[in-house]
Amino acid sequence: FCLVQGMKRLAPTYAISVVLTAQLGTALLWDSLGWLGL
């Protein structure tokens, strides 16, 4: 749902760039904190 809405409002490359950056930042946080059994 959020990807579809993001694509409506942003160009595909920009939307995917933001998504992947958020994914990387969140993964870094969860890895560093050891959340969710990581």
Full PDB file with SEQRES, HELIX, SHEET, SSBOND, CRYST1, ORIGX, SCALE, CONECT and MASTER records, all heavy atoms in Angstrom:
SEQRES   1 A   38  PHE CYS LEU VAL GLN GLY MET LYS ARG LEU ALA PRO THR          
SEQRES   2 A   38  TYR ALA ILE SER VAL VAL LEU THR ALA GLN LEU GLY THR          
SEQRES   3 A   38  ALA LEU LEU TRP ASP SER LEU GLY TRP LEU GLY LEU              
HELIX    1 AA1 CYS A    2  ARG A    9  1                                   8    
HELIX    2 AA2 PRO A   12  LEU A   33  1                                  22    
HELIX    3 AA3 TRP A   35  GLY A   37  5                                   3    
CRYST1    1.000    1.000    1.000  90.00  90.00  90.00 P 1           1          
ORIGX1      1.000000  0.000000  0.000000        0.00000                         
ORIGX2      0.000000  1.000000  0.000000        0.00000                         
ORIGX3      0.000000  0.000000  1.000000        0.00000                         
SCALE1      1.000000  0.000000  0.000000        0.00000                         
SCALE2      0.000000  1.000000  0.000000        0.00000                         
SCALE3      0.000000  0.000000  1.000000        0.00000                         
ATOM      1  N   PHE A   1       0.835  -1.208   0.000  1.00  0.00           N  
ATOM      2  CA  PHE A   1       0.000   0.000   0.000  1.00  0.00           C  
ATOM      3  C   PHE A   1       0.871   1.260   0.000  1.00  0.00           C  
ATOM      4  O   PHE A   1       0.650   2.183  -0.786  1.00  0.00           O  
ATOM      5  CB  PHE A   1      -0.948   0.002   1.198  1.00  0.00           C  
ATOM      6  CG  PHE A   1      -1.862   1.196   1.221  1.00  0.00           C  
ATOM      7  CD1 PHE A   1      -3.009   1.218   0.443  1.00  0.00           C  
ATOM      8  CD2 PHE A   1      -1.563   2.308   1.996  1.00  0.00           C  
ATOM      9  CE1 PHE A   1      -3.840   2.323   0.447  1.00  0.00           C  
ATOM     10  CE2 PHE A   1      -2.389   3.415   2.003  1.00  0.00           C  
ATOM     11  CZ  PHE A   1      -3.533   3.419   1.230  1.00  0.00           C  
ATOM     12  N   CYS A   2       1.867   1.310   0.869  1.00  0.00           N  
ATOM     13  CA  CYS A   2       2.733   2.498   0.956  1.00  0.00           C  
ATOM     14  C   CYS A   2       3.568   2.683  -0.299  1.00  0.00           C  
ATOM     15  O   CYS A   2       3.774   3.820  -0.749  1.00  0.00           O  
ATOM     16  CB  CYS A   2       3.626   2.409   2.193  1.00  0.00           C  
ATOM     17  SG  CYS A   2       2.712   2.603   3.740  1.00  0.00           S  
ATOM     18  N   LEU A   3       4.035   1.596  -0.897  1.00  0.00           N  
ATOM     19  CA  LEU A   3       4.777   1.713  -2.156  1.00  0.00           C  
ATOM     20  C   LEU A   3       3.904   2.278  -3.267  1.00  0.00           C  
ATOM     21  O   LEU A   3       4.330   3.149  -4.023  1.00  0.00           O  
ATOM     22  CB  LEU A   3       5.340   0.354  -2.582  1.00  0.00           C  
ATOM     23  CG  LEU A   3       6.674  -0.035  -1.989  1.00  0.00           C  
ATOM     24  CD1 LEU A   3       7.004  -1.487  -2.314  1.00  0.00           C  
ATOM     25  CD2 LEU A   3       7.780   0.869  -2.494  1.00  0.00           C  
ATOM     26  N   VAL A   4       2.685   1.788  -3.352  1.00  0.00           N  
ATOM     27  CA  VAL A   4       1.773   2.281  -4.382  1.00  0.00           C  
ATOM     28  C   VAL A   4       1.502   3.771  -4.173  1.00  0.00           C  
ATOM     29  O   VAL A   4       1.537   4.562  -5.119  1.00  0.00           O  
ATOM     30  CB  VAL A   4       0.466   1.456  -4.382  1.00  0.00           C  
ATOM     31  CG1 VAL A   4      -0.617   2.124  -5.206  1.00  0.00           C  
ATOM     32  CG2 VAL A   4       0.725   0.053  -4.906  1.00  0.00           C  
ATOM     33  N   GLN A   5       1.251   4.164  -2.934  1.00  0.00           N  
ATOM     34  CA  GLN A   5       0.992   5.579  -2.649  1.00  0.00           C  
ATOM     35  C   GLN A   5       2.244   6.426  -2.904  1.00  0.00           C  
ATOM     36  O   GLN A   5       2.143   7.535  -3.426  1.00  0.00           O  
ATOM     37  CB  GLN A   5       0.525   5.748  -1.202  1.00  0.00           C  
ATOM     38  CG  GLN A   5      -0.855   5.180  -0.935  1.00  0.00           C  
ATOM     39  CD  GLN A   5      -1.916   5.863  -1.771  1.00  0.00           C  
ATOM     40  OE1 GLN A   5      -1.988   7.080  -1.840  1.00  0.00           O  
ATOM     41  NE2 GLN A   5      -2.734   5.064  -2.436  1.00  0.00           N  
ATOM     42  N   GLY A   6       3.413   5.922  -2.530  1.00  0.00           N  
ATOM     43  CA  GLY A   6       4.652   6.642  -2.773  1.00  0.00           C  
ATOM     44  C   GLY A   6       4.918   6.833  -4.257  1.00  0.00           C  
ATOM     45  O   GLY A   6       5.362   7.896  -4.698  1.00  0.00           O  
ATOM     46  N   MET A   7       4.639   5.800  -5.042  1.00  0.00           N  
ATOM     47  CA  MET A   7       4.843   5.882  -6.486  1.00  0.00           C  
ATOM     48  C   MET A   7       3.907   6.902  -7.117  1.00  0.00           C  
ATOM     49  O   MET A   7       4.253   7.533  -8.119  1.00  0.00           O  
ATOM     50  CB  MET A   7       4.621   4.517  -7.136  1.00  0.00           C  
ATOM     51  CG  MET A   7       5.712   3.526  -6.860  1.00  0.00           C  
ATOM     52  SD  MET A   7       7.206   3.901  -7.755  1.00  0.00           S  
ATOM     53  CE  MET A   7       6.673   3.518  -9.406  1.00  0.00           C  
ATOM     54  N   LYS A   8       2.713   7.061  -6.554  1.00  0.00           N  
ATOM     55  CA  LYS A   8       1.772   8.050  -7.063  1.00  0.00           C  
ATOM     56  C   LYS A   8       2.337   9.459  -6.915  1.00  0.00           C  
ATOM     57  O   LYS A   8       2.076  10.323  -7.724  1.00  0.00           O  
ATOM     58  CB  LYS A   8       0.473   7.992  -6.254  1.00  0.00           C  
ATOM     59  CG  LYS A   8      -0.638   7.263  -6.861  1.00  0.00           C  
ATOM     60  CD  LYS A   8      -1.863   7.501  -5.989  1.00  0.00           C  
ATOM     61  CE  LYS A   8      -2.973   6.589  -6.340  1.00  0.00           C  
ATOM     62  NZ  LYS A   8      -4.139   6.781  -5.488  1.00  0.00           N  
ATOM     63  N   ARG A   9       3.070   9.669  -5.841  1.00  0.00           N  
ATOM     64  CA  ARG A   9       3.513  11.007  -5.476  1.00  0.00           C  
ATOM     65  C   ARG A   9       4.957  11.320  -5.867  1.00  0.00           C  
ATOM     66  O   ARG A   9       5.354  12.476  -5.868  1.00  0.00           O  
ATOM     67  CB  ARG A   9       3.325  11.200  -3.978  1.00  0.00           C  
ATOM     68  CG  ARG A   9       1.848  11.248  -3.596  1.00  0.00           C  
ATOM     69  CD  ARG A   9       1.627  10.940  -2.132  1.00  0.00           C  
ATOM     70  NE  ARG A   9       0.242  11.117  -1.740  1.00  0.00           N  
ATOM     71  CZ  ARG A   9      -0.727  10.252  -1.962  1.00  0.00           C  
ATOM     72  NH1 ARG A   9      -0.467   9.122  -2.590  1.00  0.00           N  
ATOM     73  NH2 ARG A   9      -1.960  10.493  -1.563  1.00  0.00           N  
ATOM     74  N   LEU A  10       5.735  10.290  -6.166  1.00  0.00           N  
ATOM     75  CA  LEU A  10       7.143  10.465  -6.502  1.00  0.00           C  
ATOM     76  C   LEU A  10       7.448   9.717  -7.793  1.00  0.00           C  
ATOM     77  O   LEU A  10       6.732   8.797  -8.167  1.00  0.00           O  
ATOM     78  CB  LEU A  10       8.032   9.891  -5.388  1.00  0.00           C  
ATOM     79  CG  LEU A  10       7.797  10.405  -3.973  1.00  0.00           C  
ATOM     80  CD1 LEU A  10       8.584   9.562  -2.979  1.00  0.00           C  
ATOM     81  CD2 LEU A  10       8.178  11.866  -3.865  1.00  0.00           C  
ATOM     82  N   ALA A  11       8.512  10.071  -8.441  1.00  0.00           N  
ATOM     83  CA  ALA A  11       8.965   9.309  -9.610  1.00  0.00           C  
ATOM     84  C   ALA A  11       9.460   7.938  -9.137  1.00  0.00           C  
ATOM     85  O   ALA A  11       9.887   7.792  -7.988  1.00  0.00           O  
ATOM     86  CB  ALA A  11      10.084  10.062 -10.322  1.00  0.00           C  
ATOM     87  N   PRO A  12       9.399   6.910 -10.001  1.00  0.00           N  
ATOM     88  CA  PRO A  12       9.793   5.565  -9.569  1.00  0.00           C  
ATOM     89  C   PRO A  12      11.194   5.487  -8.954  1.00  0.00           C  
ATOM     90  O   PRO A  12      11.379   4.886  -7.905  1.00  0.00           O  
ATOM     91  CB  PRO A  12       9.718   4.746 -10.861  1.00  0.00           C  
ATOM     92  CG  PRO A  12       8.727   5.460 -11.705  1.00  0.00           C  
ATOM     93  CD  PRO A  12       8.888   6.920 -11.369  1.00  0.00           C  
ATOM     94  N   THR A  13      12.170   6.101  -9.589  1.00  0.00           N  
ATOM     95  CA  THR A  13      13.534   6.007  -9.073  1.00  0.00           C  
ATOM     96  C   THR A  13      13.655   6.682  -7.712  1.00  0.00           C  
ATOM     97  O   THR A  13      14.299   6.160  -6.801  1.00  0.00           O  
ATOM     98  CB  THR A  13      14.527   6.646 -10.061  1.00  0.00           C  
ATOM     99  OG1 THR A  13      14.347   6.034 -11.333  1.00  0.00           O  
ATOM    100  CG2 THR A  13      15.959   6.465  -9.614  1.00  0.00           C  
ATOM    101  N   TYR A  14      13.035   7.815  -7.569  1.00  0.00           N  
ATOM    102  CA  TYR A  14      13.083   8.544  -6.303  1.00  0.00           C  
ATOM    103  C   TYR A  14      12.371   7.752  -5.203  1.00  0.00           C  
ATOM    104  O   TYR A  14      12.889   7.599  -4.096  1.00  0.00           O  
ATOM    105  CB  TYR A  14      12.461   9.928  -6.492  1.00  0.00           C  
ATOM    106  CG  TYR A  14      12.569  10.828  -5.290  1.00  0.00           C  
ATOM    107  CD1 TYR A  14      13.773  11.007  -4.627  1.00  0.00           C  
ATOM    108  CD2 TYR A  14      11.465  11.522  -4.830  1.00  0.00           C  
ATOM    109  CE1 TYR A  14      13.871  11.845  -3.527  1.00  0.00           C  
ATOM    110  CE2 TYR A  14      11.557  12.363  -3.742  1.00  0.00           C  
ATOM    111  CZ  TYR A  14      12.757  12.518  -3.091  1.00  0.00           C  
ATOM    112  OH  TYR A  14      12.850  13.343  -2.001  1.00  0.00           O  
ATOM    113  N   ALA A  15      11.198   7.213  -5.512  1.00  0.00           N  
ATOM    114  CA  ALA A  15      10.450   6.443  -4.520  1.00  0.00           C  
ATOM    115  C   ALA A  15      11.240   5.219  -4.063  1.00  0.00           C  
ATOM    116  O   ALA A  15      11.369   4.956  -2.864  1.00  0.00           O  
ATOM    117  CB  ALA A  15       9.096   6.016  -5.091  1.00  0.00           C  
ATOM    118  N   ILE A  16      11.795   4.475  -4.998  1.00  0.00           N  
ATOM    119  CA  ILE A  16      12.567   3.287  -4.646  1.00  0.00           C  
ATOM    120  C   ILE A  16      13.809   3.665  -3.861  1.00  0.00           C  
ATOM    121  O   ILE A  16      14.201   2.986  -2.910  1.00  0.00           O  
ATOM    122  CB  ILE A  16      12.939   2.481  -5.911  1.00  0.00           C  
ATOM    123  CG1 ILE A  16      11.691   1.842  -6.513  1.00  0.00           C  
ATOM    124  CG2 ILE A  16      13.978   1.411  -5.609  1.00  0.00           C  
ATOM    125  CD1 ILE A  16      11.017   0.815  -5.634  1.00  0.00           C  
ATOM    126  N   SER A  17      14.452   4.770  -4.221  1.00  0.00           N  
ATOM    127  CA  SER A  17      15.637   5.227  -3.486  1.00  0.00           C  
ATOM    128  C   SER A  17      15.303   5.516  -2.027  1.00  0.00           C  
ATOM    129  O   SER A  17      16.048   5.139  -1.119  1.00  0.00           O  
ATOM    130  CB  SER A  17      16.216   6.481  -4.135  1.00  0.00           C  
ATOM    131  OG  SER A  17      16.634   6.220  -5.437  1.00  0.00           O  
ATOM    132  N   VAL A  18      14.199   6.178  -1.815  1.00  0.00           N  
ATOM    133  CA  VAL A  18      13.780   6.499  -0.445  1.00  0.00           C  
ATOM    134  C   VAL A  18      13.446   5.219   0.310  1.00  0.00           C  
ATOM    135  O   VAL A  18      13.841   5.029   1.464  1.00  0.00           O  
ATOM    136  CB  VAL A  18      12.595   7.487  -0.453  1.00  0.00           C  
ATOM    137  CG1 VAL A  18      12.028   7.673   0.943  1.00  0.00           C  
ATOM    138  CG2 VAL A  18      13.027   8.832  -1.036  1.00  0.00           C  
ATOM    139  N   VAL A  19      12.718   4.317  -0.338  1.00  0.00           N  
ATOM    140  CA  VAL A  19      12.349   3.042   0.294  1.00  0.00           C  
ATOM    141  C   VAL A  19      13.591   2.249   0.688  1.00  0.00           C  
ATOM    142  O   VAL A  19      13.704   1.758   1.826  1.00  0.00           O  
ATOM    143  CB  VAL A  19      11.446   2.199  -0.645  1.00  0.00           C  
ATOM    144  CG1 VAL A  19      11.316   0.771  -0.152  1.00  0.00           C  
ATOM    145  CG2 VAL A  19      10.078   2.841  -0.785  1.00  0.00           C  
ATOM    146  N   LEU A  20      14.530   2.121  -0.221  1.00  0.00           N  
ATOM    147  CA  LEU A  20      15.729   1.330   0.071  1.00  0.00           C  
ATOM    148  C   LEU A  20      16.590   1.973   1.146  1.00  0.00           C  
ATOM    149  O   LEU A  20      17.194   1.284   1.970  1.00  0.00           O  
ATOM    150  CB  LEU A  20      16.527   1.087  -1.206  1.00  0.00           C  
ATOM    151  CG  LEU A  20      15.822   0.202  -2.239  1.00  0.00           C  
ATOM    152  CD1 LEU A  20      16.664   0.056  -3.495  1.00  0.00           C  
ATOM    153  CD2 LEU A  20      15.476  -1.157  -1.666  1.00  0.00           C  
ATOM    154  N   THR A  21      16.639   3.296   1.171  1.00  0.00           N  
ATOM    155  CA  THR A  21      17.387   3.982   2.223  1.00  0.00           C  
ATOM    156  C   THR A  21      16.724   3.766   3.582  1.00  0.00           C  
ATOM    157  O   THR A  21      17.405   3.505   4.576  1.00  0.00           O  
ATOM    158  CB  THR A  21      17.502   5.481   1.907  1.00  0.00           C  
ATOM    159  OG1 THR A  21      18.132   5.623   0.640  1.00  0.00           O  
ATOM    160  CG2 THR A  21      18.314   6.198   2.956  1.00  0.00           C  
ATOM    161  N   ALA A  22      15.407   3.874   3.615  1.00  0.00           N  
ATOM    162  CA  ALA A  22      14.686   3.616   4.865  1.00  0.00           C  
ATOM    163  C   ALA A  22      14.886   2.175   5.307  1.00  0.00           C  
ATOM    164  O   ALA A  22      15.065   1.890   6.500  1.00  0.00           O  
ATOM    165  CB  ALA A  22      13.198   3.922   4.686  1.00  0.00           C  
ATOM    166  N   GLN A  23      14.890   1.261   4.356  1.00  0.00           N  
ATOM    167  CA  GLN A  23      15.113  -0.150   4.659  1.00  0.00           C  
ATOM    168  C   GLN A  23      16.511  -0.357   5.239  1.00  0.00           C  
ATOM    169  O   GLN A  23      16.678  -1.057   6.240  1.00  0.00           O  
ATOM    170  CB  GLN A  23      14.920  -0.975   3.390  1.00  0.00           C  
ATOM    171  CG  GLN A  23      14.985  -2.458   3.593  1.00  0.00           C  
ATOM    172  CD  GLN A  23      14.711  -3.220   2.304  1.00  0.00           C  
ATOM    173  OE1 GLN A  23      14.469  -2.636   1.251  1.00  0.00           O  
ATOM    174  NE2 GLN A  23      14.763  -4.532   2.387  1.00  0.00           N  
ATOM    175  N   LEU A  24      17.495   0.251   4.632  1.00  0.00           N  
ATOM    176  CA  LEU A  24      18.868   0.118   5.107  1.00  0.00           C  
ATOM    177  C   LEU A  24      19.038   0.734   6.491  1.00  0.00           C  
ATOM    178  O   LEU A  24      19.645   0.140   7.381  1.00  0.00           O  
ATOM    179  CB  LEU A  24      19.837   0.761   4.111  1.00  0.00           C  
ATOM    180  CG  LEU A  24      21.317   0.680   4.452  1.00  0.00           C  
ATOM    181  CD1 LEU A  24      21.779  -0.767   4.533  1.00  0.00           C  
ATOM    182  CD2 LEU A  24      22.127   1.437   3.422  1.00  0.00           C  
ATOM    183  N   GLY A  25      18.493   1.922   6.680  1.00  0.00           N  
ATOM    184  CA  GLY A  25      18.595   2.586   7.982  1.00  0.00           C  
ATOM    185  C   GLY A  25      17.908   1.803   9.087  1.00  0.00           C  
ATOM    186  O   GLY A  25      18.436   1.653  10.193  1.00  0.00           O  
ATOM    187  N   THR A  26      16.727   1.277   8.791  1.00  0.00           N  
ATOM    188  CA  THR A  26      15.996   0.480   9.770  1.00  0.00           C  
ATOM    189  C   THR A  26      16.727  -0.820  10.077  1.00  0.00           C  
ATOM    190  O   THR A  26      16.821  -1.230  11.242  1.00  0.00           O  
ATOM    191  CB  THR A  26      14.568   0.188   9.258  1.00  0.00           C  
ATOM    192  OG1 THR A  26      13.924   1.427   8.969  1.00  0.00           O  
ATOM    193  CG2 THR A  26      13.759  -0.567  10.288  1.00  0.00           C  
ATOM    194  N   ALA A  27      17.257  -1.465   9.050  1.00  0.00           N  
ATOM    195  CA  ALA A  27      18.023  -2.698   9.269  1.00  0.00           C  
ATOM    196  C   ALA A  27      19.254  -2.431  10.122  1.00  0.00           C  
ATOM    197  O   ALA A  27      19.589  -3.232  11.010  1.00  0.00           O  
ATOM    198  CB  ALA A  27      18.426  -3.306   7.922  1.00  0.00           C  
ATOM    199  N   LEU A  28      19.917  -1.315   9.886  1.00  0.00           N  
ATOM    200  CA  LEU A  28      21.080  -0.934  10.694  1.00  0.00           C  
ATOM    201  C   LEU A  28      20.679  -0.756  12.162  1.00  0.00           C  
ATOM    202  O   LEU A  28      21.364  -1.252  13.061  1.00  0.00           O  
ATOM    203  CB  LEU A  28      21.712   0.356  10.151  1.00  0.00           C  
ATOM    204  CG  LEU A  28      22.863   0.945  10.955  1.00  0.00           C  
ATOM    205  CD1 LEU A  28      24.033  -0.028  11.020  1.00  0.00           C  
ATOM    206  CD2 LEU A  28      23.300   2.279  10.347  1.00  0.00           C  
ATOM    207  N   LEU A  29      19.564  -0.104  12.375  1.00  0.00           N  
ATOM    208  CA  LEU A  29      19.073   0.095  13.746  1.00  0.00           C  
ATOM    209  C   LEU A  29      18.753  -1.239  14.410  1.00  0.00           C  
ATOM    210  O   LEU A  29      19.190  -1.510  15.533  1.00  0.00           O  
ATOM    211  CB  LEU A  29      17.832   0.993  13.730  1.00  0.00           C  
ATOM    212  CG  LEU A  29      17.158   1.232  15.070  1.00  0.00           C  
ATOM    213  CD1 LEU A  29      18.052   2.071  15.971  1.00  0.00           C  
ATOM    214  CD2 LEU A  29      15.816   1.906  14.876  1.00  0.00           C  
ATOM    215  N   TRP A  30      18.001  -2.096  13.727  1.00  0.00           N  
ATOM    216  CA  TRP A  30      17.603  -3.369  14.327  1.00  0.00           C  
ATOM    217  C   TRP A  30      18.797  -4.292  14.541  1.00  0.00           C  
ATOM    218  O   TRP A  30      18.857  -5.002  15.535  1.00  0.00           O  
ATOM    219  CB  TRP A  30      16.530  -4.050  13.481  1.00  0.00           C  
ATOM    220  CG  TRP A  30      15.206  -3.336  13.568  1.00  0.00           C  
ATOM    221  CD1 TRP A  30      14.875  -2.332  14.446  1.00  0.00           C  
ATOM    222  CD2 TRP A  30      14.066  -3.553  12.772  1.00  0.00           C  
ATOM    223  NE1 TRP A  30      13.594  -1.926  14.210  1.00  0.00           N  
ATOM    224  CE2 TRP A  30      13.066  -2.666  13.191  1.00  0.00           C  
ATOM    225  CE3 TRP A  30      13.785  -4.409  11.734  1.00  0.00           C  
ATOM    226  CZ2 TRP A  30      11.807  -2.611  12.621  1.00  0.00           C  
ATOM    227  CZ3 TRP A  30      12.528  -4.355  11.159  1.00  0.00           C  
ATOM    228  CH2 TRP A  30      11.552  -3.471  11.607  1.00  0.00           C  
ATOM    229  N   ASP A  31      19.724  -4.303  13.592  1.00  0.00           N  
ATOM    230  CA  ASP A  31      20.947  -5.101  13.776  1.00  0.00           C  
ATOM    231  C   ASP A  31      21.733  -4.603  14.984  1.00  0.00           C  
ATOM    232  O   ASP A  31      22.221  -5.393  15.790  1.00  0.00           O  
ATOM    233  CB  ASP A  31      21.849  -5.024  12.542  1.00  0.00           C  
ATOM    234  CG  ASP A  31      21.444  -5.981  11.437  1.00  0.00           C  
ATOM    235  OD1 ASP A  31      20.632  -6.897  11.702  1.00  0.00           O  
ATOM    236  OD2 ASP A  31      21.945  -5.814  10.316  1.00  0.00           O  
ATOM    237  N   SER A  32      21.868  -3.299  15.078  1.00  0.00           N  
ATOM    238  CA  SER A  32      22.669  -2.716  16.158  1.00  0.00           C  
ATOM    239  C   SER A  32      22.043  -2.950  17.534  1.00  0.00           C  
ATOM    240  O   SER A  32      22.754  -3.094  18.522  1.00  0.00           O  
ATOM    241  CB  SER A  32      22.845  -1.211  15.940  1.00  0.00           C  
ATOM    242  OG  SER A  32      23.528  -0.970  14.730  1.00  0.00           O  
ATOM    243  N   LEU A  33      20.715  -2.991  17.583  1.00  0.00           N  
ATOM    244  CA  LEU A  33      20.031  -3.190  18.854  1.00  0.00           C  
ATOM    245  C   LEU A  33      19.704  -4.656  19.126  1.00  0.00           C  
ATOM    246  O   LEU A  33      19.300  -4.998  20.234  1.00  0.00           O  
ATOM    247  CB  LEU A  33      18.757  -2.347  18.900  1.00  0.00           C  
ATOM    248  CG  LEU A  33      18.983  -0.828  18.835  1.00  0.00           C  
ATOM    249  CD1 LEU A  33      17.657  -0.098  18.732  1.00  0.00           C  
ATOM    250  CD2 LEU A  33      19.778  -0.341  20.035  1.00  0.00           C  
ATOM    251  N   GLY A  34      19.838  -5.496  18.110  1.00  0.00           N  
ATOM    252  CA  GLY A  34      19.524  -6.909  18.280  1.00  0.00           C  
ATOM    253  C   GLY A  34      18.035  -7.169  18.481  1.00  0.00           C  
ATOM    254  O   GLY A  34      17.649  -8.115  19.144  1.00  0.00           O  
ATOM    255  N   TRP A  35      17.198  -6.347  17.872  1.00  0.00           N  
ATOM    256  CA  TRP A  35      15.751  -6.493  18.011  1.00  0.00           C  
ATOM    257  C   TRP A  35      15.227  -7.693  17.224  1.00  0.00           C  
ATOM    258  O   TRP A  35      15.856  -8.179  16.293  1.00  0.00           O  
ATOM    259  CB  TRP A  35      15.041  -5.251  17.520  1.00  0.00           C  
ATOM    260  CG  TRP A  35      15.166  -4.061  18.426  1.00  0.00           C  
ATOM    261  CD1 TRP A  35      15.777  -4.007  19.652  1.00  0.00           C  
ATOM    262  CD2 TRP A  35      14.695  -2.747  18.172  1.00  0.00           C  
ATOM    263  NE1 TRP A  35      15.703  -2.746  20.164  1.00  0.00           N  
ATOM    264  CE2 TRP A  35      15.044  -1.950  19.286  1.00  0.00           C  
ATOM    265  CE3 TRP A  35      14.017  -2.157  17.121  1.00  0.00           C  
ATOM    266  CZ2 TRP A  35      14.720  -0.606  19.365  1.00  0.00           C  
ATOM    267  CZ3 TRP A  35      13.699  -0.819  17.200  1.00  0.00           C  
ATOM    268  CH2 TRP A  35      14.039  -0.057  18.307  1.00  0.00           C  
ATOM    269  N   LEU A  36      14.047  -8.147  17.590  1.00  0.00           N  
ATOM    270  CA  LEU A  36      13.319  -9.215  16.903  1.00  0.00           C  
ATOM    271  C   LEU A  36      14.127 -10.500  16.787  1.00  0.00           C  
ATOM    272  O   LEU A  36      14.019 -11.244  15.819  1.00  0.00           O  
ATOM    273  CB  LEU A  36      12.859  -8.751  15.513  1.00  0.00           C  
ATOM    274  CG  LEU A  36      11.953  -7.515  15.492  1.00  0.00           C  
ATOM    275  CD1 LEU A  36      11.680  -7.078  14.069  1.00  0.00           C  
ATOM    276  CD2 LEU A  36      10.646  -7.789  16.230  1.00  0.00           C  
ATOM    277  N   GLY A  37      14.962 -10.755  17.770  1.00  0.00           N  
ATOM    278  CA  GLY A  37      15.729 -11.989  17.809  1.00  0.00           C  
ATOM    279  C   GLY A  37      16.950 -11.992  16.903  1.00  0.00           C  
ATOM    280  O   GLY A  37      17.554 -13.040  16.686  1.00  0.00           O  
ATOM    281  N   LEU A  38      17.321 -10.837  16.373  1.00  0.00           N  
ATOM    282  CA  LEU A  38      18.507 -10.765  15.518  1.00  0.00           C  
ATOM    283  C   LEU A  38      19.768 -10.798  16.372  1.00  0.00           C  
ATOM    284  O   LEU A  38      19.771 -10.346  17.514  1.00  0.00           O  
ATOM    285  CB  LEU A  38      18.504  -9.470  14.704  1.00  0.00           C  
ATOM    286  CG  LEU A  38      17.378  -9.305  13.690  1.00  0.00           C  
ATOM    287  CD1 LEU A  38      17.427  -7.918  13.072  1.00  0.00           C  
ATOM    288  CD2 LEU A  38      17.480 -10.370  12.607  1.00  0.00           C  
TER     289      LEU A  38                                                      
MASTER        0    0    0    3    0    0    0    6  288    1    0    3          
END                                                                             
